[in-house]
């Protein structure tokens, strides 16, 4: 397993990963999430150019099996998206990617990782809690996290309960 910055040549594979990962949501009756389109190549390019696209590769082919989209939000590293291909799930890939992101954030002096996620999806909030993330109460949300939650609500994601979560880094 190797973690590296994402590149233009990865974009098609990352979209495939996102589509494949939708199967897990379909199993929970969240078909709208399962059918959601993956990030566009333009969006992936923006993240890559800003240094916020990370991929996990497996094997000699250096082909991505997981990825994360990150961006700075209110002085923390915000994880906008993290996806692992179902064929590579339950092997510690997501955990390793989150650890790498925490190390990079700490090296950059950022005190924490943040993310938004579904409360009742087993591989979302409960998983992140096991990895040291804590749920933020509404009054603890920063302005940037509030804007993210507003965009999510406008997109209909609040049909299912969601929370913001935070994990301190070594710099925190």
Protein backbone atom coordinates (compact mmCIF):
# COMPACT_ATOMS: atom_id res chain seq x y z
CA UNK A 1 0.00 0.00 0.00
CA UNK A 2 1.27 3.43 -0.97
CA UNK A 3 -0.24 6.85 -0.29
CA UNK A 4 0.60 9.62 -2.73
CA UNK A 5 -0.76 12.82 -4.18
CA UNK A 6 -3.43 12.25 -6.79
CA UNK A 7 -2.78 13.11 -10.43
CA UNK A 8 -4.77 13.70 -13.61
CA UNK A 9 -4.23 10.11 -14.72
CA UNK A 10 -6.08 8.90 -11.60
CA UNK A 11 -9.33 10.79 -12.17
CA UNK A 12 -11.21 8.09 -14.11
CA UNK A 13 -10.29 5.45 -11.56
CA UNK A 14 -11.35 7.69 -8.66
CA UNK A 15 -14.75 8.14 -10.26
CA UNK A 16 -15.01 4.35 -10.60
CA UNK A 17 -14.14 3.95 -6.91
CA UNK A 18 -16.88 6.40 -5.95
CA UNK A 19 -19.49 4.65 -8.08
CA UNK A 20 -18.52 1.23 -6.71
CA UNK A 21 -18.58 2.47 -3.11
CA UNK A 22 -22.21 3.47 -3.61
CA UNK A 23 -23.23 -0.19 -3.26
CA UNK A 24 -22.80 0.05 0.50
CA UNK A 25 -25.36 2.86 0.71
CA UNK A 26 -27.83 0.98 -1.48
CA UNK A 27 -27.74 -1.86 1.05
CA UNK A 28 -29.02 0.64 3.68
CA UNK A 29 -31.84 1.95 1.49
CA UNK A 30 -29.95 5.16 0.73
CA UNK A 31 -30.33 4.85 -3.04
CA UNK A 32 -30.02 8.60 -3.64
CA UNK A 33 -26.56 8.53 -2.06
CA UNK A 34 -25.63 5.35 -3.93
CA UNK A 35 -26.66 6.96 -7.23
CA UNK A 36 -24.96 10.31 -6.58
CA UNK A 37 -22.52 11.23 -9.31
CA UNK A 38 -18.84 11.10 -8.38
CA UNK A 39 -16.76 14.28 -8.32
CA UNK A 40 -16.28 15.72 -11.80
CA UNK A 41 -12.87 15.76 -13.41
CA UNK A 42 -12.91 19.55 -13.02
CA UNK A 43 -13.51 19.20 -9.28
CA UNK A 44 -10.83 16.52 -8.95
CA UNK A 45 -8.42 18.77 -10.85
CA UNK A 46 -9.12 21.64 -8.44
CA UNK A 47 -8.37 19.44 -5.44
CA UNK A 48 -5.23 18.05 -7.09
CA UNK A 49 -3.92 21.51 -8.00
CA UNK A 50 -4.58 22.73 -4.45
CA UNK A 51 -2.71 19.75 -2.95
CA UNK A 52 -5.89 18.23 -1.53
CA UNK A 53 -6.19 15.00 -3.50
CA UNK A 54 -4.65 11.88 -1.96
CA UNK A 55 -4.80 8.34 -3.29
CA UNK A 56 -3.96 4.94 -1.86
CA UNK A 57 -2.54 2.50 -4.36
CA UNK A 58 -2.23 -1.23 -4.02
CA UNK A 59 0.18 -3.33 -6.04
CA UNK A 60 2.84 -2.77 -8.64
CA UNK A 61 0.45 -1.05 -11.07
CA UNK A 62 0.16 1.99 -8.77
CA UNK A 63 -3.60 2.01 -9.45
CA UNK A 64 -5.73 3.81 -6.85
CA UNK A 65 -7.98 1.73 -4.59
CA UNK A 66 -8.99 4.62 -2.30
CA UNK A 67 -8.85 8.39 -2.22
CA UNK A 68 -9.49 11.47 -0.12
CA UNK A 69 -10.39 15.03 -1.00
CA UNK A 70 -9.20 17.57 1.55
CA UNK A 71 -9.17 21.33 1.96
CA UNK A 72 -8.32 23.82 4.67
CA UNK A 73 -11.38 24.99 6.61
CA UNK A 74 -11.03 27.42 9.48
CA UNK A 75 -7.45 26.45 10.24
CA UNK A 76 -8.03 22.69 10.15
CA UNK A 77 -7.72 20.06 7.44
CA UNK A 78 -11.24 19.21 6.33
CA UNK A 79 -11.89 15.83 4.72
CA UNK A 80 -14.50 16.49 2.09
CA UNK A 81 -14.60 12.93 0.82
CA UNK A 82 -12.93 9.63 1.56
CA UNK A 83 -13.77 6.48 -0.39
CA UNK A 84 -12.37 2.97 -0.54
CA UNK A 85 -13.23 0.59 -3.37
CA UNK A 86 -15.45 -2.19 -1.94
CA UNK A 87 -13.07 -4.81 -3.31
CA UNK A 88 -10.38 -3.41 -1.00
CA UNK A 89 -12.53 -2.65 2.05
CA UNK A 90 -11.85 -3.87 5.57
CA UNK A 91 -8.09 -4.00 5.10
CA UNK A 92 -7.17 -0.89 7.08
CA UNK A 93 -6.82 1.30 3.98
CA UNK A 94 -9.17 4.03 5.21
CA UNK A 95 -7.51 3.99 8.63
CA UNK A 96 -4.06 4.33 7.04
CA UNK A 97 -5.22 7.18 4.81
CA UNK A 98 -6.71 9.05 7.77
CA UNK A 99 -3.49 8.54 9.76
CA UNK A 100 -1.47 9.93 6.84
CA UNK A 101 -3.77 12.95 6.58
CA UNK A 102 -3.45 13.57 10.33
CA UNK A 103 0.35 13.38 10.08
CA UNK A 104 0.41 15.79 7.13
CA UNK A 105 -1.95 18.20 8.90
CA UNK A 106 0.22 18.13 12.03
CA UNK A 107 3.37 18.72 9.96
CA UNK A 108 1.64 21.79 8.52
CA UNK A 109 0.79 23.00 12.03
CA UNK A 110 -2.93 22.29 11.68
CA UNK A 111 -4.53 21.31 15.00
CA UNK A 112 -7.21 18.95 13.73
CA UNK A 113 -8.96 17.01 11.00
CA UNK A 114 -12.65 17.74 10.48
CA UNK A 115 -15.34 16.06 8.43
CA UNK A 116 -19.09 15.75 8.07
CA UNK A 117 -20.73 12.35 7.92
CA UNK A 118 -23.86 10.29 8.35
CA UNK A 119 -24.66 9.51 11.98
CA UNK A 120 -26.30 6.13 11.52
CA UNK A 121 -24.13 4.59 8.79
CA UNK A 122 -21.80 2.03 10.42
CA UNK A 123 -18.75 2.96 8.32
CA UNK A 124 -19.35 6.67 8.86
CA UNK A 125 -19.76 8.33 12.30
CA UNK A 126 -19.35 5.13 14.37
CA UNK A 127 -16.19 4.24 12.42
CA UNK A 128 -14.72 7.72 12.76
CA UNK A 129 -15.47 7.72 16.50
CA UNK A 130 -13.43 4.52 16.84
CA UNK A 131 -10.57 6.35 15.13
CA UNK A 132 -10.59 9.23 17.60
CA UNK A 133 -13.01 11.69 16.01
CA UNK A 134 -15.55 13.34 18.30
CA UNK A 135 -18.92 14.76 17.34
CA UNK A 136 -19.12 18.54 17.45
CA UNK A 137 -22.21 20.09 18.99
CA UNK A 138 -23.94 22.79 16.95
CA UNK A 139 -22.49 25.62 19.07
CA UNK A 140 -18.94 24.32 18.44
CA UNK A 141 -19.17 24.54 14.65
CA UNK A 142 -16.85 27.03 13.01
CA UNK A 143 -18.17 29.36 10.29
CA UNK A 144 -16.66 27.17 7.57
CA UNK A 145 -18.23 24.00 8.96
CA UNK A 146 -21.58 25.79 9.17
CA UNK A 147 -21.32 26.73 5.47
CA UNK A 148 -20.48 23.12 4.58
CA UNK A 149 -23.50 21.86 6.54
CA UNK A 150 -25.72 24.46 4.83
CA UNK A 151 -24.55 23.25 1.39
CA UNK A 152 -25.18 19.65 2.41
CA UNK A 153 -28.68 20.50 3.64
CA UNK A 154 -29.42 22.35 0.38
CA UNK A 155 -28.30 19.24 -1.52
CA UNK A 156 -30.76 17.10 0.45
CA UNK A 157 -28.21 15.22 2.54
CA UNK A 158 -30.08 16.07 5.74
CA UNK A 159 -32.70 13.53 4.80
CA UNK A 160 -30.49 11.27 6.93
CA UNK A 161 -28.95 12.48 10.22
CA UNK A 162 -25.51 14.06 9.79
CA UNK A 163 -22.86 15.42 12.13
CA UNK A 164 -19.59 17.31 12.04
CA UNK A 165 -16.66 15.54 13.65
CA UNK A 166 -13.16 16.57 14.70
CA UNK A 167 -9.95 14.70 15.53
CA UNK A 168 -7.02 16.49 17.05
CA UNK A 169 -3.61 16.10 15.43
CA UNK A 170 -0.20 16.04 17.10
CA UNK A 171 -0.06 19.81 16.45
CA UNK A 172 -3.36 20.30 18.34
